Amino acid sequence: MRHLCLLLTAALLGGCGDEAATTTPLRSPEGLHAHSELFEREVIEVTEGVHVAVGFGLANSIMIEGDDGLIIIDTLESVEGAGKVLRAFRAISDKPVAAIIYTHNHTDHVFGAAAFAEGRDIPVYAHDSTAYYINRVINVVQPIITTRSMRMFGNHLEEDGLVNAGIGKALLLTPDHTLNALPPTHTFADRMHVSIAGVELELVHAPGETNDQIMVWYPAKRVLFSGDNIYETFPNLYTIRGTPHRDVLQWANSLDQMRALHAEHLVPSHTRPVSGADTITALLTDYRDAIRFVHDQTVRYMNHGLTPDDIIQRVTLPPHLAGHPWLQEYYGTVAWSVRSIFDGYLGWFDGNPAHLQPLPLAQKAAAMADLAGGAQALLERAVAAQENGEAQWALELTDYLLVVLPDDQRVTDLRAAALRTLGEAESNPNARHYYLTMAEELRDGLVPGFRMKTPPAFLASLPIENYMHTMPILLKAEETLEVDAHIGFRFTDTGKAFTLAIRRGVASVSEGETEGATATLVAPEQVWKEVAAGERNFLVTVAGSDMGVEGSRTGLLRFLSYFERR
């Protein structure tokens, strides 16, 4: 790949030609390389009958051996990755998988489930909100979450860019991987006792990194499976890929519940297991205290009227926690956590009236260029900042330069160089990957994100309501400000029917058909699911025999053209 142009004075004279191209490897901090030792691939015996597979994907997968079957806790991010874990587990036991337990909804914990089922119907245990959150990712925010996740996890980076992902070696997803989560069949709100293959377990709601997070307690062997509420790095109290707000008080409370168990073995769903009751209690206490410290001091300064920018300068972990090996910032950071806690209590407004109605970026950029003495002078200032080791300032100035000099390759090269400089110096993998991936986007026109294979069986397992109620967020409202119309959907295999309406820029979905529809689309549920998931071309499908139209076909096509395709 062509190296970013770092000869910025040459860039000012005429951009970076091929003679400046090179393939210099990316630099990375030594500490980040040492952190990779946590993710050496192996199956670890925690205690008799309990094994954890580490390093096969971003997360761990855990096997509990029962009398006549296996219990699998968490299933990796793809069917292919899960298949490798299953083969490793099969070297230990050939008993059939009797049940799967999801500790929460994240991709790296659920989408390999079908591999462990091996074509059989088996029970899947989860919190009663887990299916909701899986659907939220699949049908509501999938495009942006995919893009930001690919940046954060470094999926488009080569080996010298992606050292590790902080909580695992890497998120092992490519277009060749298959996503196939099995829907939960046994759910609960607060607590559930289960007996599976002669193994007695307690499933306990323990919100933290996610709202649906659970912990699994194996009292007979005093093993605690903690999900993602603890791993060997500072926790992602906020994640830059974007998720629902994480209530860090609940997270700390969940760790208190775990401490009260006095477990002999702790098996996180990321990083490596720990044994010894005193060691585990001390570890959970320090982890809990770090979260409470950041929360409490953020709220303290917030109540003094300080803004998030002010607070992050004041909130740093006390020395005994800052030096703790399980609290190094290889995943979350204290500063990101402060901002999220502030936002969770007070929302986006930081209290500074200058931020209530900020100038549009175009106007602000023009003013900044004027202050510098013109656009070229602003570019010179930004180049000087990069040359003087002030990459962050150079990056911020390019926000304005991209507006005032939108077609100037020198600006693009400068921004990419600043991003690369920041990425090479960054020990936090999330930030490192985001910087470096966006540098590649600028340099190569990289489009972050890709579509993985989605088996028909997985689509069939999802309720049709999930797909129908997603339609309003796809409406191109600006094209429909004078449109008042509706169409029907009738699904021949289940008899379910819906009305999709547009009312002057707003779309709504209701159950049942409504009189006066422009047209009604008639098809089996699976056909529409495959269209909605992007697995089928809509125009080809509606022209074929799998989908019928009652009423105006032209009107139906015009109506649906107001909605974006995924």
Protein backbone atom coordinates (compact mmCIF):
# COMPACT_ATOMS: atom_id res chain seq x y z
CA MET A 1 0.00 0.00 0.00
CA ARG A 2 1.20 3.49 -0.77
CA HIS A 3 2.65 5.27 2.25
CA LEU A 4 1.03 8.53 3.32
CA CYS A 5 3.04 11.56 2.25
CA LEU A 6 4.94 12.89 5.26
CA LEU A 7 7.08 15.37 3.36
CA LEU A 8 4.57 18.12 4.02
CA THR A 9 6.66 20.94 2.64
CA ALA A 10 6.71 19.08 -0.65
CA ALA A 11 2.97 18.68 -0.33
CA LEU A 12 2.58 22.44 -0.19
CA LEU A 13 4.52 22.75 -3.43
CA GLY A 14 2.50 20.28 -5.38
CA GLY A 15 1.26 17.20 -3.56
CA CYS A 16 2.84 13.79 -3.16
CA GLY A 17 3.96 12.12 -6.31
CA ASP A 18 4.88 8.49 -6.82
CA GLU A 19 8.51 9.32 -6.08
CA ALA A 20 7.47 9.99 -2.46
CA ALA A 21 5.67 6.68 -2.13
CA THR A 22 7.07 4.03 0.17
CA THR A 23 5.88 1.07 2.18
CA THR A 24 7.22 2.04 5.61
CA PRO A 25 5.74 -0.29 8.25
CA LEU A 26 3.50 1.26 10.83
CA ARG A 27 4.98 1.84 14.26
CA SER A 28 3.21 0.71 17.42
CA PRO A 29 3.90 0.98 21.17
CA GLU A 30 5.75 -1.93 22.78
CA GLY A 31 3.16 -2.23 25.54
CA LEU A 32 0.50 -3.04 22.98
CA HIS A 33 2.59 -5.90 21.63
CA ALA A 34 3.11 -7.27 25.14
CA HIS A 35 -0.66 -7.14 25.69
CA SER A 36 -1.07 -9.61 22.81
CA GLU A 37 0.27 -12.38 25.05
CA LEU A 38 -3.20 -12.53 26.64
CA PHE A 39 -4.65 -13.81 23.38
CA GLU A 40 -2.42 -16.76 22.56
CA ARG A 41 -4.77 -19.38 21.17
CA GLU A 42 -5.41 -22.28 23.54
CA VAL A 43 -8.11 -24.18 25.40
CA ILE A 44 -7.57 -23.73 29.14
CA GLU A 45 -8.89 -26.13 31.76
CA VAL A 46 -10.20 -23.90 34.53
CA THR A 47 -11.24 -26.77 36.78
CA GLU A 48 -12.50 -30.28 36.10
CA GLY A 49 -15.26 -30.13 33.50
CA VAL A 50 -14.81 -26.41 32.70
CA HIS A 51 -12.76 -25.27 29.71
CA VAL A 52 -12.38 -21.89 28.02
CA ALA A 53 -11.21 -21.32 24.45
CA VAL A 54 -9.06 -18.19 24.27
CA GLY A 55 -7.71 -16.55 21.12
CA PHE A 56 -10.08 -18.14 18.58
CA GLY A 57 -11.91 -14.83 18.02
CA LEU A 58 -12.52 -11.53 19.74
CA ALA A 59 -14.29 -13.22 22.67
CA ASN A 60 -13.84 -16.46 24.56
CA SER A 61 -16.12 -19.46 24.24
CA ILE A 62 -16.64 -21.61 27.32
CA MET A 63 -17.55 -25.29 27.66
CA ILE A 64 -19.05 -26.88 30.76
CA GLU A 65 -19.14 -30.68 30.61
CA GLY A 66 -22.23 -32.26 32.13
CA ASP A 67 -23.25 -35.88 32.65
CA ASP A 68 -24.54 -36.44 29.14
CA GLY A 69 -24.03 -33.14 27.33
CA LEU A 70 -22.12 -29.89 27.01
CA ILE A 71 -23.13 -26.34 27.88
CA ILE A 72 -21.61 -23.61 25.72
CA ILE A 73 -21.37 -20.07 27.08
CA ASP A 74 -20.89 -17.54 24.24
CA THR A 75 -20.29 -18.56 20.66
CA LEU A 76 -17.87 -16.14 18.93
CA GLU A 77 -18.62 -13.82 16.02
CA SER A 78 -19.11 -16.25 13.15
CA VAL A 79 -20.09 -19.81 12.33
CA GLU A 80 -16.63 -20.44 10.90
CA GLY A 81 -14.86 -19.23 14.05
CA ALA A 82 -17.21 -21.21 16.27
CA GLY A 83 -16.54 -24.32 14.20
CA LYS A 84 -12.83 -24.11 15.07
CA VAL A 85 -13.69 -23.86 18.76
CA LEU A 86 -16.07 -26.81 18.53
CA ARG A 87 -13.36 -28.94 16.96
CA ALA A 88 -11.01 -28.01 19.81
CA PHE A 89 -13.69 -28.86 22.37
CA ARG A 90 -14.35 -32.17 20.59
CA ALA A 91 -10.76 -33.15 21.41
CA ILE A 92 -11.87 -33.06 25.06
CA SER A 93 -15.41 -34.44 24.86
CA ASP A 94 -17.65 -35.94 22.20
CA LYS A 95 -20.85 -35.35 24.17
CA PRO A 96 -23.57 -33.44 22.29
CA VAL A 97 -24.14 -29.77 22.99
CA ALA A 98 -27.15 -29.68 25.30
CA ALA A 99 -27.60 -25.89 25.58
CA ILE A 100 -26.15 -22.51 24.69
CA ILE A 101 -26.04 -19.51 27.01
CA TYR A 102 -25.54 -15.96 25.74
CA THR A 103 -24.04 -13.61 28.32
CA HIS A 104 -25.27 -10.69 26.17
CA ASN A 105 -26.14 -9.60 22.66
CA HIS A 106 -22.83 -8.49 21.16
CA THR A 107 -21.79 -9.91 17.80
CA ASP A 108 -18.75 -11.75 19.16
CA HIS A 109 -20.93 -13.69 21.62
CA VAL A 110 -23.92 -14.83 19.56
CA PHE A 111 -23.35 -15.12 15.81
CA GLY A 112 -21.47 -18.42 15.84
CA ALA A 113 -24.25 -20.24 17.68
CA ALA A 114 -25.44 -22.40 14.77
CA ALA A 115 -22.07 -24.17 14.61
CA PHE A 116 -22.53 -25.53 18.13
CA ALA A 117 -26.12 -26.62 17.44
CA GLU A 118 -24.86 -28.87 14.60
CA GLY A 119 -28.24 -28.74 12.88
CA ARG A 120 -30.25 -29.68 15.98
CA ASP A 121 -32.83 -27.70 17.92
CA ILE A 122 -31.25 -26.95 21.27
CA PRO A 123 -32.26 -24.56 24.05
CA VAL A 124 -30.68 -21.11 24.08
CA TYR A 125 -30.68 -19.15 27.35
CA ALA A 126 -30.43 -15.37 27.56
CA HIS A 127 -31.84 -12.30 29.23
CA ASP A 128 -35.32 -11.39 28.04
CA SER A 129 -34.05 -8.21 26.32
CA THR A 130 -31.24 -9.89 24.34
CA ALA A 131 -33.35 -10.56 21.24
CA TYR A 132 -34.38 -6.89 21.21
CA TYR A 133 -30.76 -5.73 21.20
CA ILE A 134 -29.74 -8.21 18.50
CA ASN A 135 -32.55 -6.87 16.33
CA ARG A 136 -31.50 -3.30 17.11
CA VAL A 137 -28.10 -3.96 15.55
CA ILE A 138 -29.39 -6.00 12.61
CA ASN A 139 -32.34 -3.86 11.56
CA VAL A 140 -31.99 -0.38 13.06
CA VAL A 141 -28.38 0.84 13.24
CA GLN A 142 -26.58 -1.83 11.20
CA PRO A 143 -25.01 0.48 8.54
CA ILE A 144 -23.39 2.95 10.93
CA ILE A 145 -22.48 0.37 13.58
CA THR A 146 -20.79 -1.77 10.93
CA THR A 147 -18.81 1.19 9.61
CA ARG A 148 -17.70 2.37 13.03
CA SER A 149 -16.99 -1.16 14.28
CA MET A 150 -14.79 -1.91 11.28
CA ARG A 151 -12.83 1.26 12.06
CA MET A 152 -12.60 0.57 15.79
CA PHE A 153 -11.57 -3.06 15.46
CA GLY A 154 -9.18 -2.42 12.56
CA ASN A 155 -10.75 -4.97 10.23
CA HIS A 156 -9.35 -3.23 7.14
CA LEU A 157 -5.82 -2.86 8.50
CA GLU A 158 -2.88 -5.08 7.70
CA GLU A 159 -0.90 -6.88 10.39
CA ASP A 160 1.36 -3.97 11.30
CA GLY A 161 -1.72 -1.84 11.90
CA LEU A 162 -3.75 -4.34 13.88
CA VAL A 163 -1.59 -5.56 16.77
CA ASN A 164 -4.55 -6.70 18.87
CA ALA A 165 -8.06 -5.50 19.69
CA GLY A 166 -7.57 -4.86 23.38
CA ILE A 167 -9.93 -7.58 24.64
CA GLY A 168 -9.03 -10.16 22.00
CA LYS A 169 -6.69 -10.75 19.11
CA ALA A 170 -9.15 -9.39 16.54
CA LEU A 171 -12.79 -9.30 15.49
CA LEU A 172 -12.49 -12.10 12.96
CA LEU A 173 -15.08 -11.10 10.37
CA THR A 174 -14.70 -10.91 6.60
CA PRO A 175 -17.24 -11.10 3.75
CA ASP A 176 -16.62 -14.87 3.72
CA HIS A 177 -17.82 -15.34 7.29
CA THR A 178 -21.36 -16.37 8.16
CA LEU A 179 -23.52 -14.82 10.87
CA ASN A 180 -26.05 -17.21 12.38
CA ALA A 181 -27.27 -16.46 15.88
CA LEU A 182 -29.94 -18.77 17.25
CA PRO A 183 -32.90 -16.97 18.83
CA PRO A 184 -33.16 -17.31 22.62
CA THR A 185 -35.70 -19.96 23.63
CA HIS A 186 -35.46 -19.62 27.44
CA THR A 187 -35.35 -16.09 28.85
CA PHE A 188 -35.66 -14.40 32.22
CA ALA A 189 -35.77 -10.93 33.76
CA ASP A 190 -33.82 -11.12 37.03
CA ARG A 191 -32.68 -14.65 37.89
CA MET A 192 -33.13 -18.19 36.60
CA HIS A 193 -32.06 -21.53 38.04
CA VAL A 194 -31.35 -24.14 35.37
CA SER A 195 -30.41 -27.80 35.41
CA ILE A 196 -28.75 -28.90 32.18
CA ALA A 197 -27.06 -32.28 31.66
CA GLY A 198 -26.89 -32.68 35.43
CA VAL A 199 -25.23 -29.27 35.93
CA GLU A 200 -26.98 -26.77 38.23
CA LEU A 201 -26.43 -23.13 37.26
CA GLU A 202 -27.72 -19.74 38.34
CA LEU A 203 -28.25 -17.16 35.58
CA VAL A 204 -28.35 -13.65 37.05
CA HIS A 205 -29.08 -10.33 35.34
CA ALA A 206 -25.95 -8.21 35.85
CA PRO A 207 -26.21 -5.06 33.70
CA GLY A 208 -22.92 -3.41 32.93
CA GLU A 209 -21.22 -3.33 29.55
CA THR A 210 -24.69 -4.02 28.14
CA ASN A 211 -28.16 -3.67 29.59
CA ASP A 212 -28.87 -7.37 28.95
CA GLN A 213 -25.61 -8.65 30.49
CA ILE A 214 -25.87 -11.75 32.67
CA MET A 215 -23.43 -13.62 34.87
CA VAL A 216 -23.48 -17.39 35.24
CA TRP A 217 -22.72 -18.98 38.62
CA TYR A 218 -21.73 -22.64 38.94
CA PRO A 219 -22.03 -23.13 42.71
CA ALA A 220 -20.91 -26.77 42.87
CA LYS A 221 -17.48 -25.81 41.55
CA ARG A 222 -17.57 -22.15 42.64
CA VAL A 223 -16.96 -20.91 39.10
CA LEU A 224 -18.17 -17.45 38.08
CA PHE A 225 -18.65 -16.69 34.39
CA SER A 226 -18.67 -12.89 34.35
CA GLY A 227 -19.49 -12.08 30.74
CA ASP A 228 -18.06 -8.72 29.70
CA ASN A 229 -18.31 -6.98 33.06
CA ILE A 230 -14.61 -7.56 33.71
CA TYR A 231 -11.63 -8.24 31.44
CA GLU A 232 -7.93 -7.48 31.66
CA THR A 233 -8.04 -3.83 30.57
CA PHE A 234 -9.84 -0.68 31.64
CA PRO A 235 -13.51 -1.26 30.79
CA ASN A 236 -15.33 0.26 27.88
CA LEU A 237 -17.65 2.41 29.98
CA TYR A 238 -18.14 4.06 26.61
CA THR A 239 -17.26 2.57 23.24
CA ILE A 240 -16.38 4.76 20.26
CA ARG A 241 -18.25 2.51 17.84
CA GLY A 242 -21.43 3.67 19.62
CA THR A 243 -23.91 1.77 21.80
CA PRO A 244 -26.82 2.56 24.11
CA HIS A 245 -25.75 4.46 27.22
CA ARG A 246 -23.95 2.24 29.72
CA ASP A 247 -25.09 2.82 33.30
CA VAL A 248 -21.80 2.58 35.15
CA LEU A 249 -23.46 2.57 38.57
CA GLN A 250 -25.28 -0.62 37.61
CA TRP A 251 -21.98 -1.98 36.32
CA ALA A 252 -20.30 -1.36 39.69
CA ASN A 253 -23.30 -2.87 41.49
CA SER A 254 -23.04 -6.00 39.33
CA LEU A 255 -19.39 -6.34 40.33
CA ASP A 256 -20.49 -6.10 43.96
CA GLN A 257 -22.85 -9.03 43.34
CA MET A 258 -19.95 -10.99 41.91
CA ARG A 259 -17.71 -10.17 44.88
CA ALA A 260 -20.33 -11.49 47.28
CA LEU A 261 -20.07 -14.96 45.70
CA HIS A 262 -16.42 -15.47 46.78
CA ALA A 263 -15.74 -17.48 43.64
CA GLU A 264 -12.76 -19.81 43.41
CA HIS A 265 -12.56 -19.39 39.64
CA LEU A 266 -13.37 -16.35 37.48
CA VAL A 267 -13.89 -16.91 33.75
CA PRO A 268 -14.41 -13.68 31.79
CA SER A 269 -15.73 -13.75 28.25
CA HIS A 270 -12.57 -11.88 27.20
CA THR A 271 -8.95 -12.34 28.32
CA ARG A 272 -7.86 -15.19 30.57
CA PRO A 273 -9.37 -16.95 33.60
CA VAL A 274 -8.24 -16.35 37.17
CA SER A 275 -8.23 -18.76 40.13
CA GLY A 276 -7.98 -18.21 43.90
CA ALA A 277 -10.77 -16.72 45.98
CA ASP A 278 -8.66 -13.98 47.59
CA THR A 279 -7.14 -12.97 44.26
CA ILE A 280 -10.54 -12.81 42.58
CA THR A 281 -12.14 -10.82 45.40
CA ALA A 282 -9.30 -8.29 45.34
CA LEU A 283 -9.49 -8.05 41.54
CA LEU A 284 -13.26 -7.49 41.47
CA THR A 285 -12.90 -4.91 44.24
CA ASP A 286 -10.27 -2.88 42.41
CA TYR A 287 -12.19 -3.08 39.14
CA ARG A 288 -15.38 -1.98 40.87
CA ASP A 289 -13.57 0.84 42.69
CA ALA A 290 -12.06 2.15 39.45
CA ILE A 291 -15.51 2.42 37.88
CA ARG A 292 -16.97 4.10 40.97
CA PHE A 293 -14.04 6.50 41.20
CA VAL A 294 -14.53 7.72 37.63
CA HIS A 295 -18.29 7.97 38.11
CA ASP A 296 -18.19 9.72 41.47
CA GLN A 297 -15.50 12.24 40.60
CA THR A 298 -17.16 13.05 37.27
CA VAL A 299 -20.45 13.77 39.03
CA ARG A 300 -18.63 15.77 41.73
CA TYR A 301 -17.01 18.09 39.19
CA MET A 302 -20.17 18.14 37.06
CA ASN A 303 -22.03 19.54 40.07
CA HIS A 304 -19.40 22.28 40.32
CA GLY A 305 -20.44 23.39 36.83
CA LEU A 306 -17.40 22.05 34.99
CA THR A 307 -17.72 20.90 31.38
CA PRO A 308 -16.53 17.49 30.15
CA ASP A 309 -13.41 19.14 28.69
CA ASP A 310 -12.64 20.54 32.13
CA ILE A 311 -13.42 17.32 33.98
CA ILE A 312 -11.16 15.05 31.94
CA GLN A 313 -8.22 17.21 33.00
CA ARG A 314 -9.03 16.51 36.66
CA VAL A 315 -10.20 12.88 36.78
CA THR A 316 -7.31 10.42 36.75
CA LEU A 317 -7.25 7.13 38.60
CA PRO A 318 -5.43 7.09 41.96
CA PRO A 319 -1.97 5.49 41.74
CA HIS A 320 -2.94 2.07 43.13
CA LEU A 321 -5.59 1.73 40.42
CA ALA A 322 -3.75 3.54 37.62
CA GLY A 323 -0.92 1.02 37.89
CA HIS A 324 -3.16 -2.04 38.13
CA PRO A 325 -2.52 -4.52 35.27
CA TRP A 326 -6.27 -5.03 34.77
CA LEU A 327 -6.92 -1.28 34.46
CA GLN A 328 -4.54 -0.28 31.68
CA GLU A 329 -6.30 1.62 28.88
CA TYR A 330 -6.14 -1.05 26.19
CA TYR A 331 -9.90 -0.93 25.57
CA GLY A 332 -11.76 1.83 27.37
CA THR A 333 -10.28 5.10 28.63
CA VAL A 334 -11.00 7.31 31.63
CA ALA A 335 -11.52 10.37 29.42
CA TRP A 336 -14.12 8.69 27.18
CA SER A 337 -15.85 7.41 30.31
CA VAL A 338 -16.06 10.90 31.81
CA ARG A 339 -17.75 12.23 28.68
CA SER A 340 -20.26 9.38 28.62
CA ILE A 341 -21.12 9.71 32.32
CA PHE A 342 -21.68 13.45 31.88
CA ASP A 343 -23.89 12.83 28.84
CA GLY A 344 -25.83 10.13 30.70
CA TYR A 345 -26.81 12.60 33.40
CA LEU A 346 -27.10 15.89 31.50
CA GLY A 347 -27.20 15.10 27.78
CA TRP A 348 -25.23 16.73 24.99
CA PHE A 349 -25.22 20.35 26.26
CA ASP A 350 -22.08 20.96 28.31
CA GLY A 351 -23.36 24.18 29.90
CA ASN A 352 -21.30 26.56 27.76
CA PRO A 353 -23.74 28.97 26.03
CA ALA A 354 -21.36 29.27 23.08
CA HIS A 355 -22.29 25.68 22.28
CA LEU A 356 -26.07 26.18 22.24
CA GLN A 357 -26.26 27.44 18.65
CA PRO A 358 -22.75 26.93 17.22
CA LEU A 359 -21.85 28.37 13.84
CA PRO A 360 -22.23 25.99 10.89
CA LEU A 361 -18.91 24.38 10.04
CA ALA A 362 -18.71 26.18 6.69
CA GLN A 363 -19.04 29.58 8.37
CA LYS A 364 -16.63 28.67 11.15
CA ALA A 365 -14.07 27.36 8.65
CA ALA A 366 -14.21 30.56 6.62
CA ALA A 367 -13.69 32.59 9.80
CA MET A 368 -10.72 30.45 10.85
CA ALA A 369 -9.14 30.88 7.42
CA ASP A 370 -9.71 34.63 7.66
CA LEU A 371 -8.04 34.75 11.08
CA ALA A 372 -5.03 32.89 9.67
CA GLY A 373 -4.72 35.30 6.75
CA GLY A 374 -6.46 33.16 4.13
CA ALA A 375 -6.92 29.51 3.26
CA GLN A 376 -3.33 29.01 2.11
CA ALA A 377 -2.02 30.57 5.32
CA LEU A 378 -4.24 28.24 7.35
CA LEU A 379 -2.84 25.29 5.43
CA GLU A 380 0.69 26.45 6.16
CA ARG A 381 -0.16 26.67 9.89
CA ALA A 382 -1.53 23.14 9.81
CA VAL A 383 1.54 21.80 8.00
CA ALA A 384 3.77 23.49 10.55
CA ALA A 385 1.80 21.90 13.38
CA GLN A 386 2.31 18.43 11.89
CA GLU A 387 6.03 19.06 11.34
CA ASN A 388 6.39 20.28 14.93
CA GLY A 389 4.86 17.14 16.40
CA GLU A 390 1.43 18.67 17.04
CA ALA A 391 -0.57 16.08 15.11
CA GLN A 392 -3.78 16.62 17.05
CA TRP A 393 -3.79 20.33 16.25
CA ALA A 394 -2.99 19.61 12.62
CA LEU A 395 -5.91 17.16 12.50
CA GLU A 396 -8.31 19.69 14.02
CA LEU A 397 -7.22 22.38 11.56
CA THR A 398 -7.91 20.04 8.64
CA ASP A 399 -11.56 19.97 9.75
CA TYR A 400 -11.67 23.57 8.50
CA LEU A 401 -9.34 23.07 5.56
CA LEU A 402 -11.55 20.34 4.11
CA VAL A 403 -14.27 22.99 3.89
CA VAL A 404 -12.28 25.94 2.54
CA LEU A 405 -10.02 23.86 0.26
CA PRO A 406 -12.27 20.87 -0.54
CA ASP A 407 -10.45 19.73 -3.67
CA ASP A 408 -6.87 20.27 -2.52
CA GLN A 409 -4.98 16.98 -2.31
CA ARG A 410 -2.48 18.59 0.04
CA VAL A 411 -5.21 18.87 2.69
CA THR A 412 -6.17 15.23 2.29
CA ASP A 413 -2.53 14.13 2.54
CA LEU A 414 -1.98 16.31 5.60
CA ARG A 415 -5.05 14.96 7.38
CA ALA A 416 -4.03 11.38 6.60
CA ALA A 417 -0.51 12.06 7.87
CA ALA A 418 -1.83 13.51 11.12
CA LEU A 419 -4.11 10.51 11.60
CA ARG A 420 -1.25 8.11 10.97
CA THR A 421 0.99 9.94 13.44
CA LEU A 422 -1.67 9.76 16.13
CA GLY A 423 -2.40 6.12 15.38
CA GLU A 424 1.23 5.02 15.52
CA ALA A 425 1.66 6.60 18.96
CA GLU A 426 -1.61 5.27 20.40
CA SER A 427 -1.61 2.36 22.86
CA ASN A 428 -5.40 2.10 22.98
CA PRO A 429 -6.33 -0.25 20.11
CA ASN A 430 -9.77 1.30 19.58
CA ALA A 431 -8.32 4.77 19.04
CA ARG A 432 -5.33 3.42 17.10
CA HIS A 433 -7.50 1.50 14.67
CA TYR A 434 -9.90 4.40 14.18
CA TYR A 435 -7.08 6.82 13.35
CA LEU A 436 -5.26 4.43 11.02
CA THR A 437 -8.40 3.20 9.24
CA MET A 438 -9.60 6.72 8.55
CA ALA A 439 -6.15 7.56 7.21
CA GLU A 440 -6.54 4.68 4.76
CA GLU A 441 -10.02 5.84 3.84
CA LEU A 442 -8.57 9.19 2.82
CA ARG A 443 -5.63 7.67 0.98
CA ASP A 444 -7.26 4.76 -0.82
CA GLY A 445 -10.94 5.64 -0.93
CA LEU A 446 -11.58 2.71 1.37
CA VAL A 447 -15.22 2.07 2.19
CA PRO A 448 -15.31 0.75 5.76
CA GLY A 449 -17.65 -2.14 6.35
CA PHE A 450 -18.88 -5.09 4.35
CA ARG A 451 -21.79 -7.47 4.34
CA MET A 452 -21.29 -10.91 5.83
CA LYS A 453 -23.25 -13.95 4.67
CA THR A 454 -26.65 -14.31 6.35
CA PRO A 455 -28.14 -17.81 6.06
CA PRO A 456 -31.84 -18.06 5.16
CA ALA A 457 -32.41 -20.04 8.35
CA PHE A 458 -31.21 -17.11 10.45
CA LEU A 459 -33.52 -14.70 8.63
CA ALA A 460 -36.39 -17.16 9.05
CA SER A 461 -35.85 -17.16 12.81
CA LEU A 462 -36.43 -13.41 13.11
CA PRO A 463 -39.98 -12.01 13.45
CA ILE A 464 -41.34 -10.25 10.37
CA GLU A 465 -42.29 -7.38 12.68
CA ASN A 466 -38.59 -6.61 13.07
CA TYR A 467 -38.35 -5.86 9.37
CA MET A 468 -41.63 -4.01 9.01
CA HIS A 469 -41.06 -1.64 11.91
CA THR A 470 -37.66 -0.69 10.52
CA MET A 471 -39.15 0.81 7.36
CA PRO A 472 -39.81 4.33 8.73
CA ILE A 473 -36.12 4.99 9.41
CA LEU A 474 -35.38 4.31 5.72
CA LEU A 475 -37.75 7.02 4.45
CA LYS A 476 -36.19 9.76 2.31
CA ALA A 477 -38.36 12.39 3.98
CA GLU A 478 -37.24 15.29 1.78
CA GLU A 479 -38.86 13.59 -1.24
CA THR A 480 -42.21 12.97 0.46
CA LEU A 481 -43.19 16.30 2.02
CA GLU A 482 -46.30 16.41 -0.19
CA VAL A 483 -46.98 12.65 -0.26
CA ASP A 484 -49.98 11.17 1.57
CA ALA A 485 -50.43 7.50 0.62
CA HIS A 486 -50.21 3.96 1.91
CA ILE A 487 -49.58 0.42 0.71
CA GLY A 488 -50.34 -2.99 2.18
CA PHE A 489 -48.25 -6.07 2.90
CA ARG A 490 -49.83 -9.51 3.10
CA PHE A 491 -47.71 -12.54 3.95
CA THR A 492 -49.14 -15.68 2.48
CA ASP A 493 -47.46 -18.23 4.74
CA THR A 494 -48.44 -16.70 8.11
CA GLY A 495 -51.50 -14.61 7.21
CA LYS A 496 -49.95 -11.53 8.82
CA ALA A 497 -50.72 -8.16 7.22
CA PHE A 498 -49.39 -4.63 7.65
CA THR A 499 -50.00 -1.14 6.34
CA LEU A 500 -47.08 1.14 5.52
CA ALA A 501 -48.13 4.78 5.28
CA ILE A 502 -46.38 8.02 4.31
CA ARG A 503 -47.85 11.23 5.69
CA ARG A 504 -45.93 14.25 4.39
CA GLY A 505 -42.42 13.28 5.43
CA VAL A 506 -43.27 10.74 8.11
CA ALA A 507 -43.72 6.98 7.65
CA SER A 508 -45.63 4.68 9.98
CA VAL A 509 -46.38 0.95 10.17
CA SER A 510 -49.53 -0.58 11.60
CA GLU A 511 -50.79 -4.13 11.77
CA GLY A 512 -53.57 -5.13 9.40
CA GLU A 513 -54.52 -3.84 5.96
CA THR A 514 -56.20 -0.47 5.46
CA GLU A 515 -58.70 0.37 2.73
CA GLY A 516 -57.63 2.67 -0.07
CA ALA A 517 -54.10 1.31 -0.44
CA THR A 518 -52.24 2.24 -3.60
CA ALA A 519 -51.26 -1.43 -3.86
CA THR A 520 -50.68 -4.50 -1.73
CA LEU A 521 -47.51 -6.53 -1.88
CA VAL A 522 -48.19 -10.26 -1.48
CA ALA A 523 -45.38 -12.70 -0.65
CA PRO A 524 -44.14 -15.26 1.88
CA GLU A 525 -42.41 -13.71 4.86
CA GLN A 526 -39.04 -15.18 3.93
CA VAL A 527 -39.06 -13.47 0.54
CA TRP A 528 -39.55 -10.03 2.06
CA LYS A 529 -36.96 -10.74 4.78
CA GLU A 530 -34.38 -11.58 2.14
CA VAL A 531 -35.23 -8.42 0.21
CA ALA A 532 -35.06 -6.28 3.35
CA ALA A 533 -31.74 -7.87 4.39
CA GLY A 534 -30.21 -7.15 0.98
CA GLU A 535 -29.97 -10.83 0.09
CA ARG A 536 -32.38 -10.41 -2.86
CA ASN A 537 -32.75 -7.69 -5.49
CA PHE A 538 -36.17 -6.14 -5.02
CA LEU A 539 -36.85 -5.27 -8.67
CA VAL A 540 -35.88 -8.74 -9.84
CA THR A 541 -38.02 -10.32 -7.12
CA VAL A 542 -41.13 -8.23 -7.76
CA ALA A 543 -40.86 -9.05 -11.46
CA GLY A 544 -40.71 -12.78 -10.72
CA SER A 545 -43.12 -15.34 -9.35
CA ASP A 546 -42.13 -15.13 -5.65
CA MET A 547 -43.88 -11.82 -5.07
CA GLY A 548 -47.27 -10.59 -6.24
CA VAL A 549 -48.84 -7.14 -6.43
CA GLU A 550 -52.50 -6.32 -6.07
CA GLY A 551 -53.41 -2.88 -7.38
CA SER A 552 -51.03 -0.49 -9.11
CA ARG A 553 -47.61 -2.03 -9.66
CA THR A 554 -46.31 1.35 -10.83
CA GLY A 555 -47.74 3.00 -7.73
CA LEU A 556 -46.12 0.37 -5.50
CA LEU A 557 -42.73 0.87 -7.11
CA ARG A 558 -43.02 4.65 -6.83
CA PHE A 559 -44.06 4.37 -3.16
CA LEU A 560 -41.18 2.06 -2.25
CA SER A 561 -38.69 4.22 -4.17
CA TYR A 562 -39.08 6.74 -1.34
CA PHE A 563 -37.27 4.30 0.96
CA GLU A 564 -33.53 3.69 1.01
CA ARG A 565 -32.21 0.24 0.20
CA ARG A 566 -29.74 -1.58 2.43
